[in-house]
Structures are given as structure tokens and as C-alpha cells.
C-alpha atoms as a PDB file:
ATOM      1  CA  MET A   1     140.453  26.720 290.723  1.00  0.00           C
ATOM      2  CA  TRP A   2     142.632  24.418 288.567  1.00  0.00           C
ATOM      3  CA  TRP A   3     144.307  23.038 291.752  1.00  0.00           C
ATOM      4  CA  PHE A   4     140.927  21.770 292.923  1.00  0.00           C
ATOM      5  CA  TRP A   5     140.546  19.568 289.785  1.00  0.00           C
ATOM      6  CA  VAL A   6     144.104  18.274 290.058  1.00  0.00           C
ATOM      7  CA  ALA A   7     143.515  17.357 293.755  1.00  0.00           C
ATOM      8  CA  ALA A   8     140.152  15.739 292.888  1.00  0.00           C
ATOM      9  CA  VAL A   9     141.798  13.538 290.158  1.00  0.00           C
ATOM     10  CA  PHE A  10     144.637  12.623 292.558  1.00  0.00           C
ATOM     11  CA  VAL A  11     142.162  11.580 295.309  1.00  0.00           C
ATOM     12  CA  PHE A  12     140.097   9.621 292.775  1.00  0.00           C
ATOM     13  CA  LEU A  13     143.208   7.685 291.585  1.00  0.00           C
ATOM     14  CA  MET A  14     144.173   6.934 295.200  1.00  0.00           C
ATOM     15  CA  ILE A  15     140.729   5.519 295.944  1.00  0.00           C
ATOM     16  CA  VAL A  16     140.726   3.335 292.770  1.00  0.00           C
ATOM     17  CA  GLY A  17     144.276   2.109 293.624  1.00  0.00           C
ATOM     18  CA  ALA A  18     143.277   1.190 297.188  1.00  0.00           C
ATOM     19  CA  MET A  19     140.192  -0.686 295.972  1.00  0.00           C
ATOM     20  CA  SER A  20     142.163  -2.819 293.435  1.00  0.00           C
ATOM     21  CA  GLY A  21     144.322  -4.314 296.204  1.00  0.00           C
ATOM     22  CA  GLY A  22     147.485  -3.815 294.240  1.00  0.00           C
ATOM     23  CA  SER A  23     147.981  -7.481 293.437  1.00  0.00           C
ATOM     24  CA  THR A  24     147.584  -9.235 290.129  1.00  0.00           C
ATOM     25  CA  PRO A  25     146.370 -12.844 289.788  1.00  0.00           C
ATOM     26  CA  THR A  26     148.947 -15.393 288.689  1.00  0.00           C
ATOM     27  CA  ASN A  27     148.517 -18.297 286.323  1.00  0.00           C
ATOM     28  CA  ASP A  28     151.227 -20.319 288.037  1.00  0.00           C
ATOM     29  CA  SER A  29     150.551 -24.070 287.963  1.00  0.00           C
ATOM     30  CA  THR A  30     151.998 -24.399 291.506  1.00  0.00           C
ATOM     31  CA  SER A  31     149.240 -22.176 292.902  1.00  0.00           C
ATOM     32  CA  GLN A  32     146.420 -24.192 291.358  1.00  0.00           C
ATOM     33  CA  GLU A  33     144.557 -26.897 293.203  1.00  0.00           C
ATOM     34  CA  ALA A  34     145.505 -30.522 292.674  1.00  0.00           C
ATOM     35  CA  THR A  35     144.398 -31.809 289.291  1.00  0.00           C
ATOM     36  CA  THR A  36     142.885 -35.240 288.781  1.00  0.00           C
ATOM     37  CA  PRO A  37     144.561 -37.088 285.881  1.00  0.00           C
ATOM     38  CA  ILE A  38     142.311 -37.874 282.885  1.00  0.00           C
ATOM     39  CA  VAL A  39     144.670 -40.678 281.868  1.00  0.00           C
ATOM     40  CA  ASN A  40     147.672 -42.387 283.413  1.00  0.00           C
ATOM     41  CA  GLY A  41     150.383 -41.914 280.855  1.00  0.00           C
ATOM     42  CA  GLU A  42     153.025 -43.560 282.942  1.00  0.00           C
ATOM     43  CA  HIS A  43     150.819 -46.674 283.226  1.00  0.00           C
ATOM     44  CA  LEU A  44     150.032 -46.684 279.478  1.00  0.00           C
ATOM     45  CA  LEU A  45     153.765 -46.563 278.619  1.00  0.00           C
ATOM     46  CA  GLY A  46     154.130 -49.925 280.370  1.00  0.00           C
ATOM     47  CA  LEU A  47     151.438 -51.685 278.355  1.00  0.00           C
ATOM     48  CA  THR A  48     151.027 -53.204 274.924  1.00  0.00           C
ATOM     49  CA  ILE A  49     148.625 -51.470 272.532  1.00  0.00           C
ATOM     50  CA  ASP A  50     146.272 -54.423 272.945  1.00  0.00           C
ATOM     51  CA  GLU A  51     146.172 -53.908 276.729  1.00  0.00           C
ATOM     52  CA  VAL A  52     145.546 -50.187 276.157  1.00  0.00           C
ATOM     53  CA  ARG A  53     142.615 -50.997 273.926  1.00  0.00           C
ATOM     54  CA  GLU A  54     141.175 -53.266 276.611  1.00  0.00           C
ATOM     55  CA  GLU A  55     141.329 -50.329 279.077  1.00  0.00           C
ATOM     56  CA  MET A  56     140.539 -47.375 276.794  1.00  0.00           C
ATOM     57  CA  GLY A  57     138.455 -49.005 274.093  1.00  0.00           C
ATOM     58  CA  ILE A  58     138.700 -48.599 270.345  1.00  0.00           C
ATOM     59  CA  PRO A  59     140.748 -45.642 269.102  1.00  0.00           C
ATOM     60  CA  ASP A  60     139.089 -42.637 267.463  1.00  0.00           C
ATOM     61  CA  ASP A  61     139.713 -43.924 263.938  1.00  0.00           C
ATOM     62  CA  GLU A  62     139.016 -47.662 263.949  1.00  0.00           C
ATOM     63  CA  SER A  63     140.080 -47.955 260.320  1.00  0.00           C
ATOM     64  CA  THR A  64     143.702 -47.125 261.255  1.00  0.00           C
ATOM     65  CA  MET A  65     144.039 -49.132 264.456  1.00  0.00           C
ATOM     66  CA  ASP A  66     146.691 -51.313 262.835  1.00  0.00           C
ATOM     67  CA  PRO A  67     148.547 -51.061 259.578  1.00  0.00           C
ATOM     68  CA  THR A  68     147.049 -52.928 256.627  1.00  0.00           C
ATOM     69  CA  ALA A  69     148.784 -55.904 255.051  1.00  0.00           C
ATOM     70  CA  GLN A  70     149.764 -53.659 252.130  1.00  0.00           C
ATOM     71  CA  GLN A  71     151.322 -51.057 254.454  1.00  0.00           C
ATOM     72  CA  LEU A  72     153.252 -53.803 256.238  1.00  0.00           C
ATOM     73  CA  ALA A  73     154.502 -55.180 252.896  1.00  0.00           C
ATOM     74  CA  LEU A  74     155.884 -51.781 251.957  1.00  0.00           C
ATOM     75  CA  GLY A  75     158.024 -51.779 255.102  1.00  0.00           C
ATOM     76  CA  GLY A  76     159.984 -48.735 256.058  1.00  0.00           C
ATOM     77  CA  THR A  77     158.325 -48.143 259.423  1.00  0.00           C
ATOM     78  CA  SER A  78     158.454 -50.020 262.686  1.00  0.00           C
ATOM     79  CA  THR A  79     155.965 -47.909 264.683  1.00  0.00           C
ATOM     80  CA  TRP A  80     152.265 -47.124 264.426  1.00  0.00           C
ATOM     81  CA  THR A  81     149.998 -44.754 266.270  1.00  0.00           C
ATOM     82  CA  ASN A  82     146.508 -44.821 267.806  1.00  0.00           C
ATOM     83  CA  GLN A  83     144.622 -41.711 268.782  1.00  0.00           C
ATOM     84  CA  TYR A  84     142.058 -41.259 271.532  1.00  0.00           C
ATOM     85  CA  THR A  85     140.082 -38.227 272.740  1.00  0.00           C
ATOM     86  CA  VAL A  86     139.653 -37.937 276.469  1.00  0.00           C
ATOM     87  CA  SER A  87     137.976 -34.903 278.067  1.00  0.00           C
ATOM     88  CA  ASP A  88     138.673 -32.769 274.966  1.00  0.00           C
ATOM     89  CA  HIS A  89     142.412 -33.699 275.019  1.00  0.00           C
ATOM     90  CA  THR A  90     143.977 -35.643 272.149  1.00  0.00           C
ATOM     91  CA  ILE A  91     145.960 -38.634 273.385  1.00  0.00           C
ATOM     92  CA  VAL A  92     148.313 -40.242 270.822  1.00  0.00           C
ATOM     93  CA  LEU A  93     150.046 -43.527 271.591  1.00  0.00           C
ATOM     94  CA  ASP A  94     153.022 -44.807 269.518  1.00  0.00           C
ATOM     95  CA  PHE A  95     153.646 -48.510 269.562  1.00  0.00           C
ATOM     96  CA  ASP A  96     156.215 -50.911 268.126  1.00  0.00           C
ATOM     97  CA  MET A  97     154.475 -52.962 265.429  1.00  0.00           C
ATOM     98  CA  LYS A  98     156.361 -56.173 266.261  1.00  0.00           C
ATOM     99  CA  SER A  99     156.279 -56.214 270.058  1.00  0.00           C
ATOM    100  CA  ARG A 100     153.122 -54.037 270.236  1.00  0.00           C
ATOM    101  CA  GLN A 101     154.678 -52.272 273.250  1.00  0.00           C
ATOM    102  CA  VAL A 102     153.610 -48.650 273.724  1.00  0.00           C
ATOM    103  CA  THR A 103     156.739 -46.534 273.192  1.00  0.00           C
ATOM    104  CA  GLY A 104     155.348 -43.024 273.169  1.00  0.00           C
ATOM    105  CA  PHE A 105     152.579 -40.925 274.701  1.00  0.00           C
ATOM    106  CA  PHE A 106     151.312 -37.472 273.721  1.00  0.00           C
ATOM    107  CA  ILE A 107     148.704 -35.348 275.399  1.00  0.00           C
ATOM    108  CA  GLY A 108     147.457 -32.259 273.625  1.00  0.00           C
ATOM    109  CA  THR A 109     145.967 -29.126 275.062  1.00  0.00           C
ATOM    110  CA  ASP A 110     142.195 -28.656 275.213  1.00  0.00           C
ATOM    111  CA  GLU A 111     142.456 -24.976 274.258  1.00  0.00           C
ATOM    112  CA  LYS A 112     140.223 -24.044 271.289  1.00  0.00           C
ATOM    113  CA  ASP A 113     143.124 -22.787 269.233  1.00  0.00           C
ATOM    114  CA  GLY A 114     145.176 -25.934 269.981  1.00  0.00           C
ATOM    115  CA  ILE A 115     148.042 -24.134 271.708  1.00  0.00           C
ATOM    116  CA  THR A 116     148.992 -23.172 275.241  1.00  0.00           C
ATOM    117  CA  ARG A 117     151.790 -21.309 276.980  1.00  0.00           C
ATOM    118  CA  ASP A 118     151.606 -23.502 280.099  1.00  0.00           C
ATOM    119  CA  TRP A 119     152.629 -26.971 278.962  1.00  0.00           C
ATOM    120  CA  LYS A 120     153.369 -28.003 282.565  1.00  0.00           C
ATOM    121  CA  ALA A 121     149.653 -27.823 283.324  1.00  0.00           C
ATOM    122  CA  LEU A 122     149.232 -30.881 281.092  1.00  0.00           C
ATOM    123  CA  LEU A 123     151.488 -33.046 283.256  1.00  0.00           C
ATOM    124  CA  PRO A 124     149.029 -33.601 286.137  1.00  0.00           C
ATOM    125  CA  LEU A 125     146.273 -34.325 283.633  1.00  0.00           C
ATOM    126  CA  SER A 126     148.423 -36.955 281.920  1.00  0.00           C
ATOM    127  CA  GLY A 127     149.647 -38.815 284.984  1.00  0.00           C
ATOM    128  CA  LEU A 128     153.254 -38.054 283.942  1.00  0.00           C
ATOM    129  CA  SER A 129     156.054 -36.651 285.998  1.00  0.00           C
ATOM    130  CA  GLU A 130     159.069 -34.570 284.933  1.00  0.00           C
ATOM    131  CA  ASP A 131     161.352 -36.469 287.283  1.00  0.00           C
ATOM    132  CA  ALA A 132     160.340 -40.034 286.387  1.00  0.00           C
ATOM    133  CA  GLN A 133     163.100 -42.486 285.566  1.00  0.00           C
ATOM    134  CA  GLY A 134     161.431 -44.696 282.918  1.00  0.00           C
ATOM    135  CA  TYR A 135     160.685 -42.070 280.286  1.00  0.00           C
ATOM    136  CA  SER A 136     161.557 -38.545 279.211  1.00  0.00           C
ATOM    137  CA  ILE A 137     159.231 -35.591 278.907  1.00  0.00           C
ATOM    138  CA  LYS A 138     159.351 -33.010 276.098  1.00  0.00           C
ATOM    139  CA  PRO A 139     156.976 -30.127 275.408  1.00  0.00           C
ATOM    140  CA  ILE A 140     155.981 -29.982 271.739  1.00  0.00           C
ATOM    141  CA  GLY A 141     156.255 -26.455 270.391  1.00  0.00           C
ATOM    142  CA  ALA A 142     153.659 -24.929 268.093  1.00  0.00           C
ATOM    143  CA  LEU A 143     155.182 -24.519 264.653  1.00  0.00           C
ATOM    144  CA  LYS A 144     153.987 -20.979 263.862  1.00  0.00           C
ATOM    145  CA  SER A 145     153.675 -19.653 267.440  1.00  0.00           C
ATOM    146  CA  PRO A 146     156.999 -19.369 269.290  1.00  0.00           C
ATOM    147  CA  GLY A 147     156.572 -19.666 273.075  1.00  0.00           C
ATOM    148  CA  PHE A 148     153.396 -21.762 272.667  1.00  0.00           C
ATOM    149  CA  TYR A 149     152.952 -25.490 272.860  1.00  0.00           C
ATOM    150  CA  THR A 150     150.549 -28.048 271.402  1.00  0.00           C
ATOM    151  CA  GLY A 151     151.099 -30.594 274.136  1.00  0.00           C
ATOM    152  CA  VAL A 152     153.556 -32.841 275.948  1.00  0.00           C
ATOM    153  CA  GLN A 153     155.270 -36.011 274.710  1.00  0.00           C
ATOM    154  CA  ALA A 154     156.703 -38.812 276.805  1.00  0.00           C
ATOM    155  CA  THR A 155     159.005 -41.458 275.292  1.00  0.00           C
ATOM    156  CA  GLU A 156     160.813 -44.434 276.777  1.00  0.00           C
END
């Protein structure tokens, strides 16, 4: 009688295996549909911060749009940043304080914990390309989570 139960379990496992299809879904960015950019990072890297503000509006923290006279008098820095939030993504733009040219672009993940394994999924959202000639792309690693990233940075 024990052989009956063994055969029944075996048949049950075969039926469950056949119903599952035997394939697992992938989270490969190449298999996803085309993504519409939320910003055009490549375009923003070619602008001054004043032109960016004309297009994107006032940064998230208006009080730190530009360094104060006191901060300028202290010296020691030649760049400043402005931060925007677009579709739950943090966008940070670095610019040269003298020329006002945008020199850096960062797009953060929209994950609730602020980190992602798939940093390449941020590229189509940012309007950036890994093989562009005018800037370089670098994933920004999460400090306390090896193998995870907070976003992608592009610099000229």
C-alpha cells in the first residue's frame, strides 16, 4: 500500500511541474518595453543652470539655488548643486559657479528604500546613453549595501 502513496505524490508533482511551465520570469532591462525618459540628461548637460531653471523651474530647495555672498567669500569650491524631483526620482545637477555650465547629472532610483540592483534601468529614464561621447556614465553604489546602487551619474 505504501507504493500507492509514493506513486500518488509522484503524479501530483508531475502535474504541478507541468502547470508551472518550467520558466522563470526575468528582470532583464533588455526584455522590458521601451521607456519614456522623464528628463533628458544629455540635453541638460549642454545647458547653463539658468537655462535648466527656465525649462524645469525652481529647484526643490529655493533657498540653496545659488551660494550666498558669504559662501562665495569663503571660497574653496567652484561647483554648486541644484536638486529637482521628477516622477519620484531625485535629479541633482552640478554646475560651475563662474560659467554656470551644468557639469554633472545624477538620477536616483524611485525605490522606497532608495536602492536598486538594476542601475541600467535608470538610463532610459534619464535620457542618457552608455555609449555617448560627450560624457561618462557611472553607477553610484549604495554605501552599506554591496551590489546595490542609489542611482547613475553622468559627468562631462
